[in-house]
Amino acid sequence: MSTEVSISTSLTERLELGPEALRFPATFEEFVGLLEKAEYPVEYERGEIIIMSIATDEHERIVANLLGALYVELRDKPGYGRYGSNRHIYIPELQKAYAPDASVVRGQPSSYEYAKGKNAYTNPWLVAEVISPSSRNRDFGEKLQGYKSIPGLDHILYIEQAQPFVTLFERIPDTYRWKSTDYDDGEQLLEMGVVRFRVGDLYVQV
C-alpha cells in the first residue's frame, strides 16, 4: 500500500470523507509518512492508520476547559508538562501511537522520534479523552487497554461529551491493576495527585 496515494493529506479532502473515524491498513512506516504531511489528527494501531473523527464544538469546548483547569492546577508546580492532541503518546512495545485530547508528563519527558521534528512522548502521567458516540467503542476497547499498558501512567480520564459524566481510571500503586470511579455531579471533585477540580468545570458553556 502507498499511503501517500491512497490517503489524502489535506484537511479539505479529509472533510469530504465525512465526520466519522476512518481506518486504513498500513505499515508503521506509512503512518509516519502520513503523519509528516497530514493536516488532521491520525493514530496508529494493529496495523492500521486511524483518521480521527471530526470534533464537534462541544468536544472542543470540553477540551479547552480541561486544558484550562490543568493550567490553573499545574502552573505553580514544577515538573509537570501539559499537552494537547498535537503531542502523540507512543507505546513502543505495542507499536501504537495515540493522540489523546490532553496529557500530562511528570518529570523529564521521554521522547520517541518518528522522524526529524516529529516526536511523541512515551511516559505520560495522565491522559484524557473526550468520549463521543463515534469514538466510544474504540476508546473503551483497544485504546483503553493500550493506555493501561504504559508503565508510569497513573490516571486515565474519560469525559462524556453529551452529558456531565466522567470516568476516572487510577492505577493501584505499585501494581498493574486499575480501579475506576464514575462522577455524575458537577459539584463532585476530581482528584488526580496534585490536580483537583470540579466535574462542572469541564462543562462550562457546553
N, C-alpha and C. Protein backbone atom coordinates (compact mmCIF):
# COMPACT_ATOMS: atom_id res chain seq x y z
N MET A 1 0.84 -1.21 0.00
CA MET A 1 0.00 0.00 0.00
C MET A 1 0.87 1.24 0.00
N SER A 2 0.50 2.23 -0.78
CA SER A 2 1.17 3.52 -0.76
C SER A 2 0.29 4.52 -0.07
N THR A 3 0.64 4.91 1.14
CA THR A 3 -0.19 5.80 1.94
C THR A 3 -0.38 7.14 1.25
N GLU A 4 0.69 7.66 0.65
CA GLU A 4 0.60 8.98 0.06
C GLU A 4 -0.43 9.01 -1.07
N VAL A 5 -0.59 7.88 -1.79
CA VAL A 5 -1.51 7.85 -2.91
C VAL A 5 -2.95 7.63 -2.43
N SER A 6 -3.13 6.70 -1.47
CA SER A 6 -4.48 6.27 -1.13
C SER A 6 -5.15 7.13 -0.07
N ILE A 7 -4.39 7.88 0.70
CA ILE A 7 -4.96 8.71 1.76
C ILE A 7 -4.57 10.17 1.51
N SER A 8 -5.55 11.01 1.31
CA SER A 8 -5.25 12.42 1.08
C SER A 8 -4.75 13.06 2.36
N THR A 9 -3.96 14.11 2.22
CA THR A 9 -3.33 14.75 3.37
C THR A 9 -3.95 16.08 3.75
N SER A 10 -4.77 16.67 2.88
CA SER A 10 -5.31 17.99 3.16
C SER A 10 -6.56 17.90 4.04
N LEU A 11 -6.78 18.90 4.87
CA LEU A 11 -7.96 18.93 5.72
C LEU A 11 -9.23 19.02 4.89
N THR A 12 -9.19 19.77 3.78
CA THR A 12 -10.37 19.91 2.93
C THR A 12 -10.82 18.56 2.40
N GLU A 13 -9.87 17.76 1.91
CA GLU A 13 -10.20 16.44 1.39
C GLU A 13 -10.65 15.50 2.51
N ARG A 14 -10.06 15.68 3.69
CA ARG A 14 -10.50 14.86 4.83
C ARG A 14 -11.96 15.15 5.16
N LEU A 15 -12.36 16.40 5.16
CA LEU A 15 -13.73 16.77 5.48
C LEU A 15 -14.73 16.20 4.47
N GLU A 16 -14.28 16.05 3.24
CA GLU A 16 -15.16 15.49 2.21
C GLU A 16 -15.48 14.02 2.46
N LEU A 17 -14.69 13.35 3.30
CA LEU A 17 -14.89 11.93 3.59
C LEU A 17 -15.93 11.70 4.68
N GLY A 18 -16.45 12.79 5.28
CA GLY A 18 -17.46 12.66 6.32
C GLY A 18 -16.87 12.77 7.72
N PRO A 19 -17.73 12.85 8.75
CA PRO A 19 -17.26 13.14 10.11
C PRO A 19 -16.72 11.94 10.88
N GLU A 20 -17.03 10.72 10.44
CA GLU A 20 -16.66 9.54 11.21
C GLU A 20 -15.17 9.20 11.07
N ALA A 21 -14.65 8.47 12.08
CA ALA A 21 -13.29 7.98 12.01
C ALA A 21 -13.15 6.96 10.87
N LEU A 22 -11.98 6.93 10.25
CA LEU A 22 -11.72 6.03 9.13
C LEU A 22 -10.46 5.22 9.42
N ARG A 23 -10.42 3.98 8.91
CA ARG A 23 -9.28 3.11 9.16
C ARG A 23 -8.76 2.58 7.83
N PHE A 24 -7.41 2.52 7.72
CA PHE A 24 -6.77 2.03 6.51
C PHE A 24 -5.62 1.09 6.89
N PRO A 25 -5.54 -0.10 6.30
CA PRO A 25 -4.39 -0.97 6.55
C PRO A 25 -3.10 -0.26 6.13
N ALA A 26 -2.07 -0.35 6.97
CA ALA A 26 -0.82 0.35 6.67
C ALA A 26 0.29 -0.16 7.57
N THR A 27 1.51 0.03 7.14
CA THR A 27 2.66 -0.25 7.99
C THR A 27 2.91 0.96 8.88
N PHE A 28 3.72 0.77 9.90
CA PHE A 28 4.06 1.89 10.77
C PHE A 28 4.83 2.96 10.00
N GLU A 29 5.66 2.53 9.07
CA GLU A 29 6.43 3.49 8.27
C GLU A 29 5.49 4.36 7.43
N GLU A 30 4.43 3.75 6.92
CA GLU A 30 3.45 4.52 6.14
C GLU A 30 2.70 5.50 7.04
N PHE A 31 2.41 5.09 8.27
CA PHE A 31 1.80 6.01 9.23
C PHE A 31 2.69 7.22 9.46
N VAL A 32 3.99 6.96 9.66
CA VAL A 32 4.93 8.07 9.89
C VAL A 32 4.96 9.00 8.68
N GLY A 33 4.93 8.42 7.49
CA GLY A 33 4.92 9.26 6.29
C GLY A 33 3.70 10.14 6.21
N LEU A 34 2.54 9.59 6.58
CA LEU A 34 1.31 10.39 6.58
C LEU A 34 1.35 11.44 7.69
N LEU A 35 1.87 11.06 8.85
CA LEU A 35 1.93 11.97 9.98
C LEU A 35 2.71 13.23 9.65
N GLU A 36 3.73 13.09 8.82
CA GLU A 36 4.56 14.24 8.46
C GLU A 36 3.82 15.25 7.59
N LYS A 37 2.74 14.81 6.93
CA LYS A 37 2.08 15.68 5.95
C LYS A 37 0.62 15.98 6.25
N ALA A 38 -0.03 15.13 7.05
CA ALA A 38 -1.48 15.27 7.25
C ALA A 38 -1.82 16.55 8.00
N GLU A 39 -2.90 17.18 7.57
CA GLU A 39 -3.37 18.41 8.23
C GLU A 39 -4.46 18.11 9.25
N TYR A 40 -4.60 16.86 9.66
CA TYR A 40 -5.65 16.43 10.59
C TYR A 40 -5.05 15.35 11.50
N PRO A 41 -5.70 15.04 12.63
CA PRO A 41 -5.15 14.07 13.58
C PRO A 41 -5.24 12.63 13.05
N VAL A 42 -4.16 11.88 13.25
CA VAL A 42 -4.14 10.46 12.90
C VAL A 42 -3.51 9.67 14.03
N GLU A 43 -3.90 8.40 14.14
CA GLU A 43 -3.32 7.49 15.13
C GLU A 43 -2.95 6.20 14.42
N TYR A 44 -2.26 5.31 15.15
CA TYR A 44 -1.85 4.03 14.56
C TYR A 44 -2.05 2.91 15.55
N GLU A 45 -2.66 1.80 15.09
CA GLU A 45 -2.91 0.67 15.97
C GLU A 45 -3.22 -0.57 15.15
N ARG A 46 -2.64 -1.70 15.58
CA ARG A 46 -2.95 -3.01 14.97
C ARG A 46 -2.82 -3.01 13.45
N GLY A 47 -1.76 -2.40 12.96
CA GLY A 47 -1.53 -2.41 11.52
C GLY A 47 -2.46 -1.53 10.73
N GLU A 48 -3.06 -0.53 11.39
CA GLU A 48 -3.99 0.35 10.70
C GLU A 48 -3.72 1.82 11.06
N ILE A 49 -3.85 2.67 10.08
CA ILE A 49 -3.92 4.12 10.31
C ILE A 49 -5.36 4.46 10.65
N ILE A 50 -5.55 5.21 11.73
CA ILE A 50 -6.89 5.67 12.10
C ILE A 50 -6.95 7.18 11.89
N ILE A 51 -7.77 7.60 10.96
CA ILE A 51 -8.02 9.03 10.75
C ILE A 51 -9.14 9.42 11.70
N MET A 52 -8.86 10.34 12.60
CA MET A 52 -9.78 10.65 13.68
C MET A 52 -11.04 11.33 13.15
N SER A 53 -12.13 11.15 13.90
CA SER A 53 -13.40 11.79 13.55
C SER A 53 -13.30 13.30 13.72
N ILE A 54 -14.19 14.02 13.07
CA ILE A 54 -14.19 15.48 13.14
C ILE A 54 -14.81 15.90 14.47
N ALA A 55 -14.09 16.70 15.23
CA ALA A 55 -14.55 17.11 16.56
C ALA A 55 -15.71 18.10 16.47
N THR A 56 -16.69 17.94 17.37
CA THR A 56 -17.81 18.88 17.47
C THR A 56 -17.40 20.09 18.30
N ASP A 57 -18.24 21.13 18.27
CA ASP A 57 -17.98 22.30 19.10
C ASP A 57 -17.97 21.93 20.58
N GLU A 58 -18.89 21.04 20.98
CA GLU A 58 -18.96 20.63 22.38
C GLU A 58 -17.67 19.93 22.81
N HIS A 59 -17.17 19.08 21.94
CA HIS A 59 -15.91 18.39 22.20
C HIS A 59 -14.79 19.38 22.44
N GLU A 60 -14.67 20.36 21.56
CA GLU A 60 -13.57 21.31 21.65
C GLU A 60 -13.69 22.22 22.88
N ARG A 61 -14.92 22.54 23.28
CA ARG A 61 -15.09 23.35 24.49
C ARG A 61 -14.67 22.58 25.73
N ILE A 62 -15.03 21.30 25.77
CA ILE A 62 -14.63 20.47 26.92
C ILE A 62 -13.10 20.36 26.98
N VAL A 63 -12.47 20.15 25.83
CA VAL A 63 -11.01 20.06 25.80
C VAL A 63 -10.38 21.37 26.28
N ALA A 64 -10.93 22.49 25.81
CA ALA A 64 -10.40 23.79 26.23
C ALA A 64 -10.57 23.98 27.74
N ASN A 65 -11.72 23.59 28.27
CA ASN A 65 -11.95 23.70 29.72
C ASN A 65 -10.98 22.81 30.49
N LEU A 66 -10.74 21.61 29.99
CA LEU A 66 -9.81 20.70 30.66
C LEU A 66 -8.40 21.26 30.67
N LEU A 67 -7.94 21.73 29.53
CA LEU A 67 -6.59 22.30 29.47
C LEU A 67 -6.48 23.54 30.36
N GLY A 68 -7.57 24.32 30.45
CA GLY A 68 -7.56 25.47 31.34
C GLY A 68 -7.47 25.06 32.80
N ALA A 69 -8.24 24.01 33.19
CA ALA A 69 -8.19 23.52 34.56
C ALA A 69 -6.81 22.98 34.90
N LEU A 70 -6.19 22.27 33.94
CA LEU A 70 -4.85 21.74 34.18
C LEU A 70 -3.83 22.88 34.31
N TYR A 71 -4.01 23.93 33.52
CA TYR A 71 -3.11 25.08 33.64
C TYR A 71 -3.18 25.69 35.04
N VAL A 72 -4.40 25.91 35.53
CA VAL A 72 -4.57 26.52 36.86
C VAL A 72 -3.94 25.64 37.93
N GLU A 73 -4.13 24.33 37.82
CA GLU A 73 -3.64 23.42 38.85
C GLU A 73 -2.13 23.21 38.80
N LEU A 74 -1.53 23.34 37.63
CA LEU A 74 -0.12 22.96 37.48
C LEU A 74 0.83 24.14 37.27
N ARG A 75 0.29 25.34 37.14
CA ARG A 75 1.16 26.48 36.79
C ARG A 75 2.22 26.75 37.85
N ASP A 76 1.94 26.46 39.12
CA ASP A 76 2.91 26.71 40.18
C ASP A 76 3.58 25.43 40.67
N LYS A 77 3.44 24.35 39.90
CA LYS A 77 4.01 23.06 40.31
C LYS A 77 5.05 22.65 39.29
N PRO A 78 6.33 22.84 39.58
CA PRO A 78 7.37 22.47 38.62
C PRO A 78 7.41 20.96 38.40
N GLY A 79 7.83 20.59 37.22
CA GLY A 79 7.97 19.17 36.93
C GLY A 79 6.78 18.52 36.26
N TYR A 80 5.76 19.33 35.92
CA TYR A 80 4.59 18.80 35.23
C TYR A 80 4.41 19.55 33.91
N GLY A 81 4.37 18.82 32.80
CA GLY A 81 4.14 19.43 31.49
C GLY A 81 2.80 18.99 30.95
N ARG A 82 2.00 19.91 30.43
CA ARG A 82 0.67 19.57 29.91
C ARG A 82 0.66 19.78 28.41
N TYR A 83 -0.10 18.94 27.71
CA TYR A 83 -0.06 18.93 26.26
C TYR A 83 -1.45 18.66 25.68
N GLY A 84 -1.67 19.13 24.46
CA GLY A 84 -2.90 18.86 23.75
C GLY A 84 -2.72 17.70 22.78
N SER A 85 -3.67 17.55 21.86
CA SER A 85 -3.69 16.38 20.98
C SER A 85 -2.60 16.40 19.92
N ASN A 86 -1.92 17.52 19.73
CA ASN A 86 -0.83 17.54 18.76
C ASN A 86 0.40 16.79 19.25
N ARG A 87 0.45 16.49 20.54
CA ARG A 87 1.56 15.72 21.10
C ARG A 87 1.12 14.26 21.26
N HIS A 88 1.64 13.41 20.41
CA HIS A 88 1.27 12.00 20.44
C HIS A 88 1.86 11.29 21.66
N ILE A 89 1.21 10.19 22.04
CA ILE A 89 1.74 9.24 23.00
C ILE A 89 2.05 7.96 22.24
N TYR A 90 3.29 7.47 22.39
CA TYR A 90 3.70 6.27 21.67
C TYR A 90 3.99 5.15 22.66
N ILE A 91 3.53 3.94 22.32
CA ILE A 91 3.75 2.76 23.15
C ILE A 91 4.67 1.83 22.38
N PRO A 92 5.98 1.86 22.65
CA PRO A 92 6.93 1.10 21.83
C PRO A 92 6.66 -0.39 21.79
N GLU A 93 6.31 -0.98 22.93
CA GLU A 93 6.12 -2.43 23.00
C GLU A 93 4.99 -2.91 22.09
N LEU A 94 3.99 -2.06 21.88
CA LEU A 94 2.82 -2.43 21.09
C LEU A 94 2.78 -1.74 19.73
N GLN A 95 3.74 -0.86 19.47
CA GLN A 95 3.78 -0.04 18.26
C GLN A 95 2.42 0.61 18.01
N LYS A 96 1.96 1.32 19.06
CA LYS A 96 0.71 2.07 18.97
C LYS A 96 1.01 3.55 19.17
N ALA A 97 0.33 4.39 18.43
CA ALA A 97 0.50 5.83 18.53
C ALA A 97 -0.86 6.47 18.71
N TYR A 98 -1.04 7.16 19.84
CA TYR A 98 -2.31 7.78 20.17
C TYR A 98 -2.14 9.30 20.26
N ALA A 99 -3.25 10.00 20.05
CA ALA A 99 -3.27 11.46 20.18
C ALA A 99 -4.36 11.83 21.18
N PRO A 100 -4.11 11.65 22.48
CA PRO A 100 -5.15 11.97 23.47
C PRO A 100 -5.51 13.45 23.41
N ASP A 101 -6.72 13.76 23.85
CA ASP A 101 -7.15 15.16 23.84
C ASP A 101 -6.30 16.01 24.77
N ALA A 102 -5.79 15.41 25.84
CA ALA A 102 -4.88 16.11 26.73
C ALA A 102 -4.01 15.08 27.42
N SER A 103 -2.81 15.48 27.80
CA SER A 103 -1.93 14.60 28.55
C SER A 103 -1.03 15.45 29.44
N VAL A 104 -0.53 14.80 30.49
CA VAL A 104 0.41 15.44 31.41
C VAL A 104 1.58 14.50 31.60
N VAL A 105 2.79 15.03 31.49
CA VAL A 105 4.01 14.28 31.78
C VAL A 105 4.58 14.82 33.08
N ARG A 106 4.90 13.92 33.99
CA ARG A 106 5.53 14.30 35.26
C ARG A 106 7.02 13.99 35.17
N GLY A 107 7.83 15.00 35.46
CA GLY A 107 9.27 14.81 35.35
C GLY A 107 9.76 15.02 33.94
N GLN A 108 10.92 14.46 33.64
CA GLN A 108 11.54 14.65 32.33
C GLN A 108 10.81 13.83 31.28
N PRO A 109 10.33 14.46 30.21
CA PRO A 109 9.67 13.70 29.16
C PRO A 109 10.62 12.72 28.49
N SER A 110 10.12 11.53 28.23
CA SER A 110 10.85 10.54 27.44
C SER A 110 10.27 10.57 26.04
N SER A 111 11.12 10.84 25.07
CA SER A 111 10.64 11.15 23.73
C SER A 111 11.01 10.06 22.73
N TYR A 112 10.08 9.79 21.81
CA TYR A 112 10.34 8.89 20.68
C TYR A 112 10.24 9.73 19.41
N GLU A 113 11.25 9.67 18.57
CA GLU A 113 11.27 10.47 17.35
C GLU A 113 10.85 9.61 16.16
N TYR A 114 9.68 9.90 15.61
CA TYR A 114 9.22 9.21 14.40
C TYR A 114 10.13 9.56 13.22
N ALA A 115 10.33 10.86 13.09
CA ALA A 115 11.13 11.41 12.01
C ALA A 115 11.61 12.78 12.49
N LYS A 116 12.49 13.41 11.74
CA LYS A 116 13.04 14.68 12.16
C LYS A 116 11.93 15.69 12.43
N GLY A 117 11.88 16.20 13.66
CA GLY A 117 10.87 17.18 14.03
C GLY A 117 9.53 16.60 14.42
N LYS A 118 9.38 15.26 14.40
CA LYS A 118 8.12 14.61 14.75
C LYS A 118 8.38 13.69 15.96
N ASN A 119 7.97 14.15 17.14
CA ASN A 119 8.22 13.41 18.36
C ASN A 119 6.92 13.04 19.06
N ALA A 120 6.98 11.97 19.83
CA ALA A 120 5.89 11.57 20.71
C ALA A 120 6.49 11.28 22.08
N TYR A 121 5.68 11.41 23.13
CA TYR A 121 6.15 11.06 24.46
C TYR A 121 5.74 9.63 24.79
N THR A 122 6.56 8.97 25.58
CA THR A 122 6.28 7.58 25.95
C THR A 122 6.00 7.42 27.43
N ASN A 123 6.06 8.50 28.21
CA ASN A 123 5.92 8.39 29.67
C ASN A 123 4.88 9.35 30.25
N PRO A 124 3.64 9.33 29.75
CA PRO A 124 2.63 10.22 30.35
C PRO A 124 2.29 9.78 31.77
N TRP A 125 1.90 10.76 32.57
CA TRP A 125 1.41 10.52 33.93
C TRP A 125 -0.11 10.52 33.95
N LEU A 126 -0.71 11.31 33.04
CA LEU A 126 -2.16 11.41 32.90
C LEU A 126 -2.49 11.55 31.43
N VAL A 127 -3.55 10.86 30.98
CA VAL A 127 -4.10 11.08 29.65
C VAL A 127 -5.60 11.29 29.79
N ALA A 128 -6.17 12.06 28.88
CA ALA A 128 -7.60 12.35 28.93
C ALA A 128 -8.19 12.30 27.53
N GLU A 129 -9.39 11.74 27.44
CA GLU A 129 -10.13 11.66 26.18
C GLU A 129 -11.56 12.14 26.40
N VAL A 130 -12.07 12.91 25.44
CA VAL A 130 -13.48 13.28 25.43
C VAL A 130 -14.20 12.25 24.58
N ILE A 131 -15.22 11.61 25.16
CA ILE A 131 -15.89 10.47 24.53
C ILE A 131 -17.09 10.94 23.73
N SER A 132 -17.16 10.52 22.47
CA SER A 132 -18.31 10.80 21.62
C SER A 132 -18.89 9.48 21.14
N PRO A 133 -20.11 9.48 20.59
CA PRO A 133 -20.70 8.23 20.09
C PRO A 133 -19.81 7.52 19.07
N SER A 134 -19.13 8.29 18.23
CA SER A 134 -18.31 7.67 17.19
C SER A 134 -17.01 7.08 17.72
N SER A 135 -16.56 7.54 18.89
CA SER A 135 -15.28 7.07 19.42
C SER A 135 -15.43 6.09 20.58
N ARG A 136 -16.66 5.92 21.09
CA ARG A 136 -16.86 5.18 22.34
C ARG A 136 -16.29 3.76 22.31
N ASN A 137 -16.63 2.99 21.30
CA ASN A 137 -16.20 1.60 21.28
C ASN A 137 -14.68 1.47 21.29
N ARG A 138 -14.02 2.27 20.49
CA ARG A 138 -12.56 2.19 20.45
C ARG A 138 -11.93 2.74 21.73
N ASP A 139 -12.48 3.85 22.25
CA ASP A 139 -11.92 4.45 23.46
C ASP A 139 -11.97 3.49 24.64
N PHE A 140 -13.10 2.79 24.79
CA PHE A 140 -13.26 1.88 25.92
C PHE A 140 -12.75 0.47 25.61
N GLY A 141 -12.35 0.23 24.37
CA GLY A 141 -11.84 -1.07 23.99
C GLY A 141 -10.34 -1.06 23.84
N GLU A 142 -9.87 -1.13 22.61
CA GLU A 142 -8.44 -1.29 22.36
C GLU A 142 -7.62 -0.11 22.88
N LYS A 143 -8.19 1.09 22.85
CA LYS A 143 -7.40 2.25 23.26
C LYS A 143 -7.18 2.28 24.77
N LEU A 144 -8.22 1.95 25.54
CA LEU A 144 -8.08 1.90 26.99
C LEU A 144 -7.05 0.85 27.40
N GLN A 145 -7.10 -0.31 26.78
CA GLN A 145 -6.13 -1.35 27.09
C GLN A 145 -4.71 -0.91 26.73
N GLY A 146 -4.57 -0.19 25.64
CA GLY A 146 -3.26 0.35 25.28
C GLY A 146 -2.75 1.31 26.32
N TYR A 147 -3.59 2.24 26.76
CA TYR A 147 -3.17 3.18 27.80
C TYR A 147 -2.76 2.47 29.08
N LYS A 148 -3.54 1.47 29.48
CA LYS A 148 -3.26 0.78 30.74
C LYS A 148 -1.92 0.05 30.72
N SER A 149 -1.41 -0.23 29.53
CA SER A 149 -0.14 -0.95 29.43
C SER A 149 1.08 -0.04 29.59
N ILE A 150 0.88 1.28 29.66
CA ILE A 150 2.00 2.21 29.71
C ILE A 150 2.56 2.26 31.13
N PRO A 151 3.81 1.87 31.35
CA PRO A 151 4.42 1.98 32.68
C PRO A 151 4.46 3.44 33.13
N GLY A 152 4.12 3.70 34.38
CA GLY A 152 4.19 5.06 34.90
C GLY A 152 2.96 5.89 34.67
N LEU A 153 2.03 5.43 33.83
CA LEU A 153 0.77 6.15 33.66
C LEU A 153 -0.12 5.84 34.86
N ASP A 154 -0.55 6.88 35.57
CA ASP A 154 -1.33 6.68 36.80
C ASP A 154 -2.80 7.05 36.66
N HIS A 155 -3.15 7.91 35.69
CA HIS A 155 -4.51 8.42 35.60
C HIS A 155 -4.98 8.45 34.14
N ILE A 156 -6.17 7.90 33.91
CA ILE A 156 -6.82 7.95 32.60
C ILE A 156 -8.20 8.57 32.82
N LEU A 157 -8.44 9.70 32.19
CA LEU A 157 -9.68 10.44 32.40
C LEU A 157 -10.53 10.38 31.14
N TYR A 158 -11.74 9.81 31.25
CA TYR A 158 -12.67 9.73 30.14
C TYR A 158 -13.86 10.64 30.44
N ILE A 159 -14.10 11.61 29.55
CA ILE A 159 -15.10 12.65 29.76
C ILE A 159 -16.18 12.51 28.71
N GLU A 160 -17.41 12.30 29.15
CA GLU A 160 -18.52 12.19 28.21
C GLU A 160 -18.83 13.55 27.59
N GLN A 161 -19.05 13.54 26.29
CA GLN A 161 -19.36 14.78 25.58
C GLN A 161 -20.81 15.20 25.75
N ALA A 162 -21.73 14.22 25.78
CA ALA A 162 -23.16 14.52 25.70
C ALA A 162 -23.78 14.93 27.03
N GLN A 163 -23.12 14.60 28.14
CA GLN A 163 -23.70 14.89 29.46
C GLN A 163 -22.58 14.94 30.49
N PRO A 164 -22.82 15.60 31.62
CA PRO A 164 -21.79 15.63 32.67
C PRO A 164 -21.60 14.25 33.29
N PHE A 165 -20.63 13.53 32.81
CA PHE A 165 -20.32 12.20 33.31
C PHE A 165 -18.85 11.91 33.00
N VAL A 166 -18.11 11.60 34.05
CA VAL A 166 -16.67 11.39 33.91
C VAL A 166 -16.30 10.07 34.56
N THR A 167 -15.44 9.31 33.89
CA THR A 167 -14.89 8.08 34.47
C THR A 167 -13.39 8.27 34.64
N LEU A 168 -12.92 8.06 35.86
CA LEU A 168 -11.50 8.18 36.17
C LEU A 168 -10.94 6.79 36.46
N PHE A 169 -9.96 6.38 35.68
CA PHE A 169 -9.23 5.14 35.92
C PHE A 169 -7.93 5.50 36.64
N GLU A 170 -7.66 4.84 37.75
CA GLU A 170 -6.46 5.11 38.53
C GLU A 170 -5.69 3.82 38.78
N ARG A 171 -4.40 3.88 38.56
CA ARG A 171 -3.57 2.71 38.82
C ARG A 171 -3.47 2.47 40.33
N ILE A 172 -3.66 1.25 40.75
CA ILE A 172 -3.42 0.89 42.15
C ILE A 172 -1.91 0.90 42.35
N PRO A 173 -1.39 1.68 43.31
CA PRO A 173 0.06 1.88 43.44
C PRO A 173 0.85 0.58 43.44
N ASP A 174 1.95 0.61 42.68
CA ASP A 174 2.91 -0.50 42.63
C ASP A 174 2.31 -1.79 42.08
N THR A 175 1.28 -1.68 41.24
CA THR A 175 0.67 -2.86 40.63
C THR A 175 0.39 -2.57 39.16
N TYR A 176 -0.08 -3.60 38.46
CA TYR A 176 -0.56 -3.43 37.09
C TYR A 176 -2.08 -3.44 37.04
N ARG A 177 -2.71 -3.25 38.19
CA ARG A 177 -4.16 -3.26 38.28
C ARG A 177 -4.69 -1.84 38.40
N TRP A 178 -5.96 -1.67 37.99
CA TRP A 178 -6.58 -0.36 37.95
C TRP A 178 -7.94 -0.40 38.66
N LYS A 179 -8.35 0.75 39.19
CA LYS A 179 -9.70 0.92 39.69
C LYS A 179 -10.35 2.07 38.94
N SER A 180 -11.68 2.07 38.86
CA SER A 180 -12.37 3.14 38.15
C SER A 180 -13.46 3.72 39.04
N THR A 181 -13.69 5.03 38.88
CA THR A 181 -14.72 5.75 39.62
C THR A 181 -15.49 6.62 38.65
N ASP A 182 -16.82 6.57 38.74
CA ASP A 182 -17.67 7.41 37.91
C ASP A 182 -18.12 8.65 38.69
N TYR A 183 -18.20 9.77 37.98
CA TYR A 183 -18.65 11.04 38.55
C TYR A 183 -19.79 11.57 37.68
N ASP A 184 -20.92 11.88 38.30
CA ASP A 184 -22.09 12.33 37.52
C ASP A 184 -22.72 13.60 38.08
N ASP A 185 -21.99 14.31 38.91
CA ASP A 185 -22.50 15.54 39.52
C ASP A 185 -21.45 16.63 39.34
N GLY A 186 -21.89 17.78 38.85
CA GLY A 186 -20.96 18.87 38.59
C GLY A 186 -20.21 19.36 39.81
N GLU A 187 -20.76 19.14 41.00
CA GLU A 187 -20.10 19.60 42.22
C GLU A 187 -19.07 18.60 42.75
N GLN A 188 -19.04 17.41 42.18
CA GLN A 188 -18.06 16.42 42.64
C GLN A 188 -16.65 16.85 42.28
N LEU A 189 -15.70 16.47 43.13
CA LEU A 189 -14.31 16.89 42.96
C LEU A 189 -13.50 15.75 42.36
N LEU A 190 -12.85 16.06 41.26
CA LEU A 190 -11.91 15.12 40.65
C LEU A 190 -10.54 15.34 41.27
N GLU A 191 -9.94 14.29 41.79
CA GLU A 191 -8.61 14.39 42.41
C GLU A 191 -7.68 13.40 41.74
N MET A 192 -6.62 13.92 41.16
CA MET A 192 -5.62 13.11 40.48
C MET A 192 -4.24 13.59 40.93
N GLY A 193 -3.77 13.05 42.03
CA GLY A 193 -2.50 13.51 42.57
C GLY A 193 -2.58 14.97 42.97
N VAL A 194 -1.73 15.80 42.37
CA VAL A 194 -1.69 17.22 42.70
C VAL A 194 -2.77 18.01 41.98
N VAL A 195 -3.55 17.35 41.13
CA VAL A 195 -4.58 18.04 40.34
C VAL A 195 -5.95 17.82 40.97
N ARG A 196 -6.69 18.93 41.18
CA ARG A 196 -8.03 18.86 41.75
C ARG A 196 -8.91 19.92 41.12
N PHE A 197 -10.05 19.50 40.56
CA PHE A 197 -11.02 20.47 40.06
C PHE A 197 -12.40 19.83 40.01
N ARG A 198 -13.44 20.65 39.91
CA ARG A 198 -14.82 20.18 39.88
C ARG A 198 -15.17 19.58 38.53
N VAL A 199 -16.02 18.57 38.55
CA VAL A 199 -16.52 18.00 37.31
C VAL A 199 -17.20 19.09 36.47
N GLY A 200 -17.95 19.97 37.13
CA GLY A 200 -18.65 21.03 36.41
C GLY A 200 -17.73 21.97 35.66
N ASP A 201 -16.46 22.09 36.09
CA ASP A 201 -15.52 22.97 35.39
C ASP A 201 -15.27 22.51 33.96
N LEU A 202 -15.48 21.24 33.71
CA LEU A 202 -15.24 20.70 32.37
C LEU A 202 -16.38 21.03 31.41
N TYR A 203 -17.52 21.41 31.94
CA TYR A 203 -18.72 21.60 31.10
C TYR A 203 -19.20 23.05 31.05
N VAL A 204 -18.34 23.99 31.41
CA VAL A 204 -18.70 25.40 31.34
C VAL A 204 -18.98 25.78 29.89
N GLN A 205 -20.15 26.36 29.62
CA GLN A 205 -20.56 26.81 28.29
C GLN A 205 -20.66 25.68 27.27
N VAL A 206 -20.90 24.47 27.73
CA VAL A 206 -21.06 23.33 26.81
C VAL A 206 -22.56 23.07 26.63
